[in-house]
ModelCIF file with pLDDT and N, C-alpha, C, O atoms, coordinates in Angstrom:
data_MODEL
#
_entry.id   MODEL 
#
_entity.id                         1 
_entity.type                       polymer 
_entity.pdbx_number_of_molecules   1 
#
_entity_poly.entity_id                      1 
_entity_poly.type                           'polypeptide(L)' 
_entity_poly.nstd_linkage                   no 
_entity_poly.nstd_monomer                   no 
_entity_poly.pdbx_seq_one_letter_code       
;(UNK)(UNK)(UNK)(UNK)(UNK)(UNK)(UNK)(UNK)(UNK)(UNK)(UNK)(UNK)(UNK)(UNK)(UNK)(UNK)
(UNK)(UNK)(UNK)(UNK)(UNK)(UNK)(UNK)(UNK)(UNK)(UNK)(UNK)(UNK)(UNK)(UNK)(UNK)(UNK)
(UNK)(UNK)(UNK)(UNK)(UNK)(UNK)(UNK)(UNK)(UNK)(UNK)(UNK)(UNK)(UNK)(UNK)
;
_entity_poly.pdbx_seq_one_letter_code_can   XXXXXXXXXXXXXXXXXXXXXXXXXXXXXXXXXXXXXXXXXXXXXX 
_entity_poly.pdbx_strand_id                 A 
#
loop_
_entity_poly_seq.entity_id 
_entity_poly_seq.num 
_entity_poly_seq.mon_id 
_entity_poly_seq.hetero 
1 1  UNK n 
1 2  UNK n 
1 3  UNK n 
1 4  UNK n 
1 5  UNK n 
1 6  UNK n 
1 7  UNK n 
1 8  UNK n 
1 9  UNK n 
1 10 UNK n 
1 11 UNK n 
1 12 UNK n 
1 13 UNK n 
1 14 UNK n 
1 15 UNK n 
1 16 UNK n 
1 17 UNK n 
1 18 UNK n 
1 19 UNK n 
1 20 UNK n 
1 21 UNK n 
1 22 UNK n 
1 23 UNK n 
1 24 UNK n 
1 25 UNK n 
1 26 UNK n 
1 27 UNK n 
1 28 UNK n 
1 29 UNK n 
1 30 UNK n 
1 31 UNK n 
1 32 UNK n 
1 33 UNK n 
1 34 UNK n 
1 35 UNK n 
1 36 UNK n 
1 37 UNK n 
1 38 UNK n 
1 39 UNK n 
1 40 UNK n 
1 41 UNK n 
1 42 UNK n 
1 43 UNK n 
1 44 UNK n 
1 45 UNK n 
1 46 UNK n 
#
_struct_asym.id          A 
_struct_asym.entity_id   1 
#
loop_
_ma_qa_metric.id 
_ma_qa_metric.mode 
_ma_qa_metric.name 
_ma_qa_metric.software_group_id 
_ma_qa_metric.type 
1 global pLDDT . pLDDT 
2 local  pLDDT . pLDDT 
#
_ma_qa_metric_global.metric_id      1 
_ma_qa_metric_global.metric_value   80.65 
_ma_qa_metric_global.model_id       1 
_ma_qa_metric_global.ordinal_id     1 
#
loop_
_ma_qa_metric_local.label_asym_id 
_ma_qa_metric_local.label_comp_id 
_ma_qa_metric_local.label_seq_id 
_ma_qa_metric_local.metric_id 
_ma_qa_metric_local.metric_value 
_ma_qa_metric_local.model_id 
_ma_qa_metric_local.ordinal_id 
A UNK 1  2 32.00 1 1  
A UNK 2  2 30.00 1 2  
A UNK 3  2 31.00 1 3  
A UNK 4  2 34.00 1 4  
A UNK 5  2 36.00 1 5  
A UNK 6  2 36.00 1 6  
A UNK 7  2 36.00 1 7  
A UNK 8  2 38.00 1 8  
A UNK 9  2 48.00 1 9  
A UNK 10 2 50.00 1 10 
A UNK 11 2 50.00 1 11 
A UNK 12 2 53.00 1 12 
A UNK 13 2 64.00 1 13 
A UNK 14 2 88.00 1 14 
A UNK 15 2 95.00 1 15 
A UNK 16 2 98.00 1 16 
A UNK 17 2 98.00 1 17 
A UNK 18 2 98.00 1 18 
A UNK 19 2 98.00 1 19 
A UNK 20 2 97.00 1 20 
A UNK 21 2 93.00 1 21 
A UNK 22 2 92.00 1 22 
A UNK 23 2 88.00 1 23 
A UNK 24 2 90.00 1 24 
A UNK 25 2 90.00 1 25 
A UNK 26 2 94.00 1 26 
A UNK 27 2 97.00 1 27 
A UNK 28 2 97.00 1 28 
A UNK 29 2 97.00 1 29 
A UNK 30 2 98.00 1 30 
A UNK 31 2 98.00 1 31 
A UNK 32 2 98.00 1 32 
A UNK 33 2 98.00 1 33 
A UNK 34 2 98.00 1 34 
A UNK 35 2 98.00 1 35 
A UNK 36 2 98.00 1 36 
A UNK 37 2 98.00 1 37 
A UNK 38 2 97.00 1 38 
A UNK 39 2 98.00 1 39 
A UNK 40 2 97.00 1 40 
A UNK 41 2 96.00 1 41 
A UNK 42 2 98.00 1 42 
A UNK 43 2 98.00 1 43 
A UNK 44 2 98.00 1 44 
A UNK 45 2 98.00 1 45 
A UNK 46 2 98.00 1 46 
#
loop_
_atom_site.group_PDB 
_atom_site.id 
_atom_site.type_symbol 
_atom_site.label_atom_id 
_atom_site.label_alt_id 
_atom_site.label_comp_id 
_atom_site.label_asym_id 
_atom_site.label_entity_id 
_atom_site.label_seq_id 
_atom_site.pdbx_PDB_ins_code 
_atom_site.Cartn_x 
_atom_site.Cartn_y 
_atom_site.Cartn_z 
_atom_site.occupancy 
_atom_site.B_iso_or_equiv 
_atom_site.pdbx_formal_charge 
_atom_site.auth_seq_id 
_atom_site.auth_comp_id 
_atom_site.auth_asym_id 
_atom_site.auth_atom_id 
_atom_site.pdbx_PDB_model_num 
ATOM 1   N N  . UNK A 1 1  ? -19.775 23.124 6.389   1.00 32.00 ? 1  UNK A N  1 
ATOM 2   C CA . UNK A 1 1  ? -19.607 24.263 7.278   1.00 32.00 ? 1  UNK A CA 1 
ATOM 3   C C  . UNK A 1 1  ? -19.532 23.804 8.732   1.00 32.00 ? 1  UNK A C  1 
ATOM 4   O O  . UNK A 1 1  ? -20.324 22.965 9.161   1.00 32.00 ? 1  UNK A O  1 
ATOM 5   N N  . UNK A 1 2  ? -18.593 24.348 9.483   1.00 30.00 ? 2  UNK A N  1 
ATOM 6   C CA . UNK A 1 2  ? -18.499 24.074 10.906  1.00 30.00 ? 2  UNK A CA 1 
ATOM 7   C C  . UNK A 1 2  ? -19.361 25.070 11.665  1.00 30.00 ? 2  UNK A C  1 
ATOM 8   O O  . UNK A 1 2  ? -19.935 25.987 11.077  1.00 30.00 ? 2  UNK A O  1 
ATOM 9   N N  . UNK A 1 3  ? -19.448 24.876 12.996  1.00 31.00 ? 3  UNK A N  1 
ATOM 10  C CA . UNK A 1 3  ? -20.328 25.710 13.807  1.00 31.00 ? 3  UNK A CA 1 
ATOM 11  C C  . UNK A 1 3  ? -19.958 27.181 13.735  1.00 31.00 ? 3  UNK A C  1 
ATOM 12  O O  . UNK A 1 3  ? -20.825 28.049 13.847  1.00 31.00 ? 3  UNK A O  1 
ATOM 13  N N  . UNK A 1 4  ? -18.683 27.465 13.549  1.00 34.00 ? 4  UNK A N  1 
ATOM 14  C CA . UNK A 1 4  ? -18.262 28.871 13.506  1.00 34.00 ? 4  UNK A CA 1 
ATOM 15  C C  . UNK A 1 4  ? -18.274 29.434 12.094  1.00 34.00 ? 4  UNK A C  1 
ATOM 16  O O  . UNK A 1 4  ? -17.811 30.550 11.861  1.00 34.00 ? 4  UNK A O  1 
ATOM 17  N N  . UNK A 1 5  ? -18.813 28.647 11.136  1.00 36.00 ? 5  UNK A N  1 
ATOM 18  C CA . UNK A 1 5  ? -18.945 29.146 9.766   1.00 36.00 ? 5  UNK A CA 1 
ATOM 19  C C  . UNK A 1 5  ? -17.760 28.840 8.884   1.00 36.00 ? 5  UNK A C  1 
ATOM 20  O O  . UNK A 1 5  ? -17.799 29.134 7.689   1.00 36.00 ? 5  UNK A O  1 
ATOM 21  N N  . UNK A 1 6  ? -16.695 28.255 9.433   1.00 36.00 ? 6  UNK A N  1 
ATOM 22  C CA . UNK A 1 6  ? -15.526 27.936 8.614   1.00 36.00 ? 6  UNK A CA 1 
ATOM 23  C C  . UNK A 1 6  ? -15.650 26.554 8.011   1.00 36.00 ? 6  UNK A C  1 
ATOM 24  O O  . UNK A 1 6  ? -16.505 25.766 8.413   1.00 36.00 ? 6  UNK A O  1 
ATOM 25  N N  . UNK A 1 7  ? -14.788 26.259 7.037   1.00 36.00 ? 7  UNK A N  1 
ATOM 26  C CA . UNK A 1 7  ? -14.815 24.947 6.411   1.00 36.00 ? 7  UNK A CA 1 
ATOM 27  C C  . UNK A 1 7  ? -14.227 23.917 7.362   1.00 36.00 ? 7  UNK A C  1 
ATOM 28  O O  . UNK A 1 7  ? -13.216 24.172 8.016   1.00 36.00 ? 7  UNK A O  1 
ATOM 29  N N  . UNK A 1 8  ? -14.866 22.746 7.437   1.00 38.00 ? 8  UNK A N  1 
ATOM 30  C CA . UNK A 1 8  ? -14.357 21.705 8.328   1.00 38.00 ? 8  UNK A CA 1 
ATOM 31  C C  . UNK A 1 8  ? -13.213 20.970 7.667   1.00 38.00 ? 8  UNK A C  1 
ATOM 32  O O  . UNK A 1 8  ? -13.093 20.962 6.442   1.00 38.00 ? 8  UNK A O  1 
ATOM 33  N N  . UNK A 1 9  ? -12.382 20.358 8.470   1.00 48.00 ? 9  UNK A N  1 
ATOM 34  C CA . UNK A 1 9  ? -11.260 19.587 7.945   1.00 48.00 ? 9  UNK A CA 1 
ATOM 35  C C  . UNK A 1 9  ? -11.679 18.140 7.776   1.00 48.00 ? 9  UNK A C  1 
ATOM 36  O O  . UNK A 1 9  ? -12.734 17.732 8.261   1.00 48.00 ? 9  UNK A O  1 
ATOM 37  N N  . UNK A 1 10 ? -10.840 17.351 7.079   1.00 50.00 ? 10 UNK A N  1 
ATOM 38  C CA . UNK A 1 10 ? -11.136 15.940 6.882   1.00 50.00 ? 10 UNK A CA 1 
ATOM 39  C C  . UNK A 1 10 ? -11.199 15.231 8.229   1.00 50.00 ? 10 UNK A C  1 
ATOM 40  O O  . UNK A 1 10 ? -10.389 15.497 9.116   1.00 50.00 ? 10 UNK A O  1 
ATOM 41  N N  . UNK A 1 11 ? -12.151 14.338 8.376   1.00 50.00 ? 11 UNK A N  1 
ATOM 42  C CA . UNK A 1 11 ? -12.323 13.639 9.638   1.00 50.00 ? 11 UNK A CA 1 
ATOM 43  C C  . UNK A 1 11 ? -11.187 12.655 9.877   1.00 50.00 ? 11 UNK A C  1 
ATOM 44  O O  . UNK A 1 11 ? -10.629 12.092 8.935   1.00 50.00 ? 11 UNK A O  1 
ATOM 45  N N  . UNK A 1 12 ? -10.852 12.457 11.145  1.00 53.00 ? 12 UNK A N  1 
ATOM 46  C CA . UNK A 1 12 ? -9.804  11.506 11.505  1.00 53.00 ? 12 UNK A CA 1 
ATOM 47  C C  . UNK A 1 12 ? -10.235 10.095 11.094  1.00 53.00 ? 12 UNK A C  1 
ATOM 48  O O  . UNK A 1 12 ? -11.396 9.721  11.259  1.00 53.00 ? 12 UNK A O  1 
ATOM 49  N N  . UNK A 1 13 ? -9.309  9.336  10.570  1.00 64.00 ? 13 UNK A N  1 
ATOM 50  C CA . UNK A 1 13 ? -9.570  7.937  10.275  1.00 64.00 ? 13 UNK A CA 1 
ATOM 51  C C  . UNK A 1 13 ? -10.264 7.666  8.963   1.00 64.00 ? 13 UNK A C  1 
ATOM 52  O O  . UNK A 1 13 ? -10.520 6.504  8.647   1.00 64.00 ? 13 UNK A O  1 
ATOM 53  N N  . UNK A 1 14 ? -10.588 8.701  8.169   1.00 88.00 ? 14 UNK A N  1 
ATOM 54  C CA . UNK A 1 14 ? -11.224 8.462  6.885   1.00 88.00 ? 14 UNK A CA 1 
ATOM 55  C C  . UNK A 1 14 ? -10.254 7.812  5.912   1.00 88.00 ? 14 UNK A C  1 
ATOM 56  O O  . UNK A 1 14 ? -9.079  8.172  5.858   1.00 88.00 ? 14 UNK A O  1 
ATOM 57  N N  . UNK A 1 15 ? -10.753 6.855  5.148   1.00 95.00 ? 15 UNK A N  1 
ATOM 58  C CA . UNK A 1 15 ? -9.919  6.221  4.147   1.00 95.00 ? 15 UNK A CA 1 
ATOM 59  C C  . UNK A 1 15 ? -9.570  7.204  3.034   1.00 95.00 ? 15 UNK A C  1 
ATOM 60  O O  . UNK A 1 15 ? -10.372 8.065  2.673   1.00 95.00 ? 15 UNK A O  1 
ATOM 61  N N  . UNK A 1 16 ? -8.372  7.061  2.503   1.00 98.00 ? 16 UNK A N  1 
ATOM 62  C CA . UNK A 1 16 ? -7.965  7.812  1.320   1.00 98.00 ? 16 UNK A CA 1 
ATOM 63  C C  . UNK A 1 16 ? -8.512  7.076  0.098   1.00 98.00 ? 16 UNK A C  1 
ATOM 64  O O  . UNK A 1 16 ? -8.229  5.895  -0.105  1.00 98.00 ? 16 UNK A O  1 
ATOM 65  N N  . UNK A 1 17 ? -9.290  7.780  -0.704  1.00 98.00 ? 17 UNK A N  1 
ATOM 66  C CA . UNK A 1 17 ? -9.850  7.198  -1.924  1.00 98.00 ? 17 UNK A CA 1 
ATOM 67  C C  . UNK A 1 17 ? -8.876  7.472  -3.067  1.00 98.00 ? 17 UNK A C  1 
ATOM 68  O O  . UNK A 1 17 ? -8.542  8.622  -3.352  1.00 98.00 ? 17 UNK A O  1 
ATOM 69  N N  . UNK A 1 18 ? -8.429  6.406  -3.712  1.00 98.00 ? 18 UNK A N  1 
ATOM 70  C CA . UNK A 1 18 ? -7.453  6.506  -4.801  1.00 98.00 ? 18 UNK A CA 1 
ATOM 71  C C  . UNK A 1 18 ? -8.123  6.054  -6.095  1.00 98.00 ? 18 UNK A C  1 
ATOM 72  O O  . UNK A 1 18 ? -8.530  4.899  -6.221  1.00 98.00 ? 18 UNK A O  1 
ATOM 73  N N  . UNK A 1 19 ? -8.235  6.969  -7.055  1.00 98.00 ? 19 UNK A N  1 
ATOM 74  C CA . UNK A 1 19 ? -8.716  6.626  -8.391  1.00 98.00 ? 19 UNK A CA 1 
ATOM 75  C C  . UNK A 1 19 ? -7.499  6.370  -9.274  1.00 98.00 ? 19 UNK A C  1 
ATOM 76  O O  . UNK A 1 19 ? -6.536  7.136  -9.253  1.00 98.00 ? 19 UNK A O  1 
ATOM 77  N N  . UNK A 1 20 ? -7.547  5.283  -10.054 1.00 97.00 ? 20 UNK A N  1 
ATOM 78  C CA . UNK A 1 20 ? -6.372  4.925  -10.847 1.00 97.00 ? 20 UNK A CA 1 
ATOM 79  C C  . UNK A 1 20 ? -6.766  4.267  -12.163 1.00 97.00 ? 20 UNK A C  1 
ATOM 80  O O  . UNK A 1 20 ? -7.751  3.533  -12.243 1.00 97.00 ? 20 UNK A O  1 
ATOM 81  N N  . UNK A 1 21 ? -5.969  4.552  -13.197 1.00 93.00 ? 21 UNK A N  1 
ATOM 82  C CA . UNK A 1 21 ? -6.113  3.859  -14.476 1.00 93.00 ? 21 UNK A CA 1 
ATOM 83  C C  . UNK A 1 21 ? -5.028  2.798  -14.650 1.00 93.00 ? 21 UNK A C  1 
ATOM 84  O O  . UNK A 1 21 ? -4.884  2.230  -15.733 1.00 93.00 ? 21 UNK A O  1 
ATOM 85  N N  . UNK A 1 22 ? -4.263  2.529  -13.589 1.00 92.00 ? 22 UNK A N  1 
ATOM 86  C CA . UNK A 1 22 ? -3.089  1.661  -13.701 1.00 92.00 ? 22 UNK A CA 1 
ATOM 87  C C  . UNK A 1 22 ? -3.482  0.207  -13.952 1.00 92.00 ? 22 UNK A C  1 
ATOM 88  O O  . UNK A 1 22 ? -4.587  -0.220 -13.617 1.00 92.00 ? 22 UNK A O  1 
ATOM 89  N N  . UNK A 1 23 ? -2.558  -0.539 -14.547 1.00 88.00 ? 23 UNK A N  1 
ATOM 90  C CA . UNK A 1 23 ? -2.735  -1.971 -14.728 1.00 88.00 ? 23 UNK A CA 1 
ATOM 91  C C  . UNK A 1 23 ? -2.718  -2.677 -13.376 1.00 88.00 ? 23 UNK A C  1 
ATOM 92  O O  . UNK A 1 23 ? -2.295  -2.113 -12.367 1.00 88.00 ? 23 UNK A O  1 
ATOM 93  N N  . UNK A 1 24 ? -3.189  -3.929 -13.380 1.00 90.00 ? 24 UNK A N  1 
ATOM 94  C CA . UNK A 1 24 ? -3.266  -4.695 -12.132 1.00 90.00 ? 24 UNK A CA 1 
ATOM 95  C C  . UNK A 1 24 ? -1.920  -4.793 -11.428 1.00 90.00 ? 24 UNK A C  1 
ATOM 96  O O  . UNK A 1 24 ? -1.844  -4.708 -10.202 1.00 90.00 ? 24 UNK A O  1 
ATOM 97  N N  . UNK A 1 25 ? -0.847  -4.974 -12.218 1.00 90.00 ? 25 UNK A N  1 
ATOM 98  C CA . UNK A 1 25 ? 0.479   -5.123 -11.600 1.00 90.00 ? 25 UNK A CA 1 
ATOM 99  C C  . UNK A 1 25 ? 0.880   -3.874 -10.828 1.00 90.00 ? 25 UNK A C  1 
ATOM 100 O O  . UNK A 1 25 ? 1.445   -3.967 -9.738  1.00 90.00 ? 25 UNK A O  1 
ATOM 101 N N  . UNK A 1 26 ? 0.588   -2.701 -11.395 1.00 94.00 ? 26 UNK A N  1 
ATOM 102 C CA . UNK A 1 26 ? 0.930   -1.450 -10.721 1.00 94.00 ? 26 UNK A CA 1 
ATOM 103 C C  . UNK A 1 26 ? 0.076   -1.245 -9.473  1.00 94.00 ? 26 UNK A C  1 
ATOM 104 O O  . UNK A 1 26 ? 0.575   -0.791 -8.443  1.00 94.00 ? 26 UNK A O  1 
ATOM 105 N N  . UNK A 1 27 ? -1.216  -1.579 -9.566  1.00 97.00 ? 27 UNK A N  1 
ATOM 106 C CA . UNK A 1 27 ? -2.103  -1.461 -8.403  1.00 97.00 ? 27 UNK A CA 1 
ATOM 107 C C  . UNK A 1 27 ? -1.586  -2.336 -7.265  1.00 97.00 ? 27 UNK A C  1 
ATOM 108 O O  . UNK A 1 27 ? -1.500  -1.892 -6.120  1.00 97.00 ? 27 UNK A O  1 
ATOM 109 N N  . UNK A 1 28 ? -1.243  -3.579 -7.586  1.00 97.00 ? 28 UNK A N  1 
ATOM 110 C CA . UNK A 1 28 ? -0.770  -4.493 -6.541  1.00 97.00 ? 28 UNK A CA 1 
ATOM 111 C C  . UNK A 1 28 ? 0.548   -4.013 -5.941  1.00 97.00 ? 28 UNK A C  1 
ATOM 112 O O  . UNK A 1 28 ? 0.771   -4.153 -4.738  1.00 97.00 ? 28 UNK A O  1 
ATOM 113 N N  . UNK A 1 29 ? 1.415   -3.450 -6.770  1.00 97.00 ? 29 UNK A N  1 
ATOM 114 C CA . UNK A 1 29 ? 2.685   -2.928 -6.261  1.00 97.00 ? 29 UNK A CA 1 
ATOM 115 C C  . UNK A 1 29 ? 2.450   -1.755 -5.317  1.00 97.00 ? 29 UNK A C  1 
ATOM 116 O O  . UNK A 1 29 ? 3.100   -1.655 -4.276  1.00 97.00 ? 29 UNK A O  1 
ATOM 117 N N  . UNK A 1 30 ? 1.525   -0.868 -5.676  1.00 98.00 ? 30 UNK A N  1 
ATOM 118 C CA . UNK A 1 30 ? 1.239   0.279  -4.806  1.00 98.00 ? 30 UNK A CA 1 
ATOM 119 C C  . UNK A 1 30 ? 0.575   -0.167 -3.508  1.00 98.00 ? 30 UNK A C  1 
ATOM 120 O O  . UNK A 1 30 ? 0.893   0.355  -2.439  1.00 98.00 ? 30 UNK A O  1 
ATOM 121 N N  . UNK A 1 31 ? -0.342  -1.125 -3.590  1.00 98.00 ? 31 UNK A N  1 
ATOM 122 C CA . UNK A 1 31 ? -0.976  -1.647 -2.375  1.00 98.00 ? 31 UNK A CA 1 
ATOM 123 C C  . UNK A 1 31 ? 0.062   -2.277 -1.448  1.00 98.00 ? 31 UNK A C  1 
ATOM 124 O O  . UNK A 1 31 ? 0.059   -2.026 -0.243  1.00 98.00 ? 31 UNK A O  1 
ATOM 125 N N  . UNK A 1 32 ? 0.946   -3.091 -2.013  1.00 98.00 ? 32 UNK A N  1 
ATOM 126 C CA . UNK A 1 32 ? 1.966   -3.757 -1.195  1.00 98.00 ? 32 UNK A CA 1 
ATOM 127 C C  . UNK A 1 32 ? 2.866   -2.733 -0.508  1.00 98.00 ? 32 UNK A C  1 
ATOM 128 O O  . UNK A 1 32 ? 3.254   -2.916 0.646   1.00 98.00 ? 32 UNK A O  1 
ATOM 129 N N  . UNK A 1 33 ? 3.195   -1.655 -1.219  1.00 98.00 ? 33 UNK A N  1 
ATOM 130 C CA . UNK A 1 33 ? 4.033   -0.603 -0.652  1.00 98.00 ? 33 UNK A CA 1 
ATOM 131 C C  . UNK A 1 33 ? 3.330   0.093  0.503   1.00 98.00 ? 33 UNK A C  1 
ATOM 132 O O  . UNK A 1 33 ? 3.918   0.295  1.565   1.00 98.00 ? 33 UNK A O  1 
ATOM 133 N N  . UNK A 1 34 ? 2.074   0.458  0.294   1.00 98.00 ? 34 UNK A N  1 
ATOM 134 C CA . UNK A 1 34 ? 1.322   1.135  1.352   1.00 98.00 ? 34 UNK A CA 1 
ATOM 135 C C  . UNK A 1 34 ? 1.143   0.235  2.571   1.00 98.00 ? 34 UNK A C  1 
ATOM 136 O O  . UNK A 1 34 ? 1.304   0.682  3.707   1.00 98.00 ? 34 UNK A O  1 
ATOM 137 N N  . UNK A 1 35 ? 0.810   -1.028 2.333   1.00 98.00 ? 35 UNK A N  1 
ATOM 138 C CA . UNK A 1 35 ? 0.610   -1.949 3.451   1.00 98.00 ? 35 UNK A CA 1 
ATOM 139 C C  . UNK A 1 35 ? 1.894   -2.147 4.249   1.00 98.00 ? 35 UNK A C  1 
ATOM 140 O O  . UNK A 1 35 ? 1.873   -2.189 5.480   1.00 98.00 ? 35 UNK A O  1 
ATOM 141 N N  . UNK A 1 36 ? 3.006   -2.269 3.538   1.00 98.00 ? 36 UNK A N  1 
ATOM 142 C CA . UNK A 1 36 ? 4.290   -2.509 4.213   1.00 98.00 ? 36 UNK A CA 1 
ATOM 143 C C  . UNK A 1 36 ? 4.772   -1.307 5.001   1.00 98.00 ? 36 UNK A C  1 
ATOM 144 O O  . UNK A 1 36 ? 5.649   -1.430 5.856   1.00 98.00 ? 36 UNK A O  1 
ATOM 145 N N  . UNK A 1 37 ? 4.203   -0.148 4.716   1.00 98.00 ? 37 UNK A N  1 
ATOM 146 C CA . UNK A 1 37 ? 4.643   1.073  5.395   1.00 98.00 ? 37 UNK A CA 1 
ATOM 147 C C  . UNK A 1 37 ? 3.584   1.647  6.338   1.00 98.00 ? 37 UNK A C  1 
ATOM 148 O O  . UNK A 1 37 ? 3.581   2.840  6.639   1.00 98.00 ? 37 UNK A O  1 
ATOM 149 N N  . UNK A 1 38 ? 2.683   0.768  6.799   1.00 97.00 ? 38 UNK A N  1 
ATOM 150 C CA . UNK A 1 38 ? 1.782   1.148  7.875   1.00 97.00 ? 38 UNK A CA 1 
ATOM 151 C C  . UNK A 1 38 ? 0.453   1.729  7.452   1.00 97.00 ? 38 UNK A C  1 
ATOM 152 O O  . UNK A 1 38 ? -0.258  2.272  8.298   1.00 97.00 ? 38 UNK A O  1 
ATOM 153 N N  . UNK A 1 39 ? 0.074   1.642  6.161   1.00 98.00 ? 39 UNK A N  1 
ATOM 154 C CA . UNK A 1 39 ? -1.176  2.242  5.699   1.00 98.00 ? 39 UNK A CA 1 
ATOM 155 C C  . UNK A 1 39 ? -2.250  1.220  5.345   1.00 98.00 ? 39 UNK A C  1 
ATOM 156 O O  . UNK A 1 39 ? -3.230  1.564  4.684   1.00 98.00 ? 39 UNK A O  1 
ATOM 157 N N  . UNK A 1 40 ? -2.083  -0.033 5.773   1.00 97.00 ? 40 UNK A N  1 
ATOM 158 C CA . UNK A 1 40 ? -3.085  -1.058 5.492   1.00 97.00 ? 40 UNK A CA 1 
ATOM 159 C C  . UNK A 1 40 ? -4.448  -0.611 6.019   1.00 97.00 ? 40 UNK A C  1 
ATOM 160 O O  . UNK A 1 40 ? -4.555  -0.061 7.115   1.00 97.00 ? 40 UNK A O  1 
ATOM 161 N N  . UNK A 1 41 ? -5.478  -0.856 5.225   1.00 96.00 ? 41 UNK A N  1 
ATOM 162 C CA . UNK A 1 41 ? -6.874  -0.545 5.587   1.00 96.00 ? 41 UNK A CA 1 
ATOM 163 C C  . UNK A 1 41 ? -7.156  0.952  5.693   1.00 96.00 ? 41 UNK A C  1 
ATOM 164 O O  . UNK A 1 41 ? -8.225  1.342  6.163   1.00 96.00 ? 41 UNK A O  1 
ATOM 165 N N  . UNK A 1 42 ? -6.217  1.795  5.266   1.00 98.00 ? 42 UNK A N  1 
ATOM 166 C CA . UNK A 1 42 ? -6.443  3.242  5.341   1.00 98.00 ? 42 UNK A CA 1 
ATOM 167 C C  . UNK A 1 42 ? -6.678  3.865  3.967   1.00 98.00 ? 42 UNK A C  1 
ATOM 168 O O  . UNK A 1 42 ? -6.700  5.088  3.829   1.00 98.00 ? 42 UNK A O  1 
ATOM 169 N N  . UNK A 1 43 ? -6.854  3.018  2.953   1.00 98.00 ? 43 UNK A N  1 
ATOM 170 C CA . UNK A 1 43 ? -7.065  3.512  1.595   1.00 98.00 ? 43 UNK A CA 1 
ATOM 171 C C  . UNK A 1 43 ? -7.996  2.565  0.853   1.00 98.00 ? 43 UNK A C  1 
ATOM 172 O O  . UNK A 1 43 ? -8.226  1.437  1.291   1.00 98.00 ? 43 UNK A O  1 
ATOM 173 N N  . UNK A 1 44 ? -8.531  3.029  -0.270  1.00 98.00 ? 44 UNK A N  1 
ATOM 174 C CA . UNK A 1 44 ? -9.351  2.205  -1.144  1.00 98.00 ? 44 UNK A CA 1 
ATOM 175 C C  . UNK A 1 44 ? -9.094  2.611  -2.586  1.00 98.00 ? 44 UNK A C  1 
ATOM 176 O O  . UNK A 1 44 ? -9.226  3.784  -2.937  1.00 98.00 ? 44 UNK A O  1 
ATOM 177 N N  . UNK A 1 45 ? -8.727  1.643  -3.427  1.00 98.00 ? 45 UNK A N  1 
ATOM 178 C CA . UNK A 1 45 ? -8.515  1.893  -4.850  1.00 98.00 ? 45 UNK A CA 1 
ATOM 179 C C  . UNK A 1 45 ? -9.814  1.687  -5.629  1.00 98.00 ? 45 UNK A C  1 
ATOM 180 O O  . UNK A 1 45 ? -10.566 0.750  -5.363  1.00 98.00 ? 45 UNK A O  1 
ATOM 181 N N  . UNK A 1 46 ? -10.066 2.564  -6.582  1.00 98.00 ? 46 UNK A N  1 
ATOM 182 C CA . UNK A 1 46 ? -11.087 2.364  -7.603  1.00 98.00 ? 46 UNK A CA 1 
ATOM 183 C C  . UNK A 1 46 ? -10.411 2.527  -8.958  1.00 98.00 ? 46 UNK A C  1 
ATOM 184 O O  . UNK A 1 46 ? -11.066 2.405  -9.993  1.00 98.00 ? 46 UNK A O  1 
#
């Protein structure tokens, strides 16, 4: 809850948490894609 009673939005700079059942090859491919497009250090895979 925010001070005015409304729901707060996601905080700036928070990492995107990604849950995945993918194989290692798919995880590495997705990481490489995100890193190459400016999202390095802005996500975390579990």
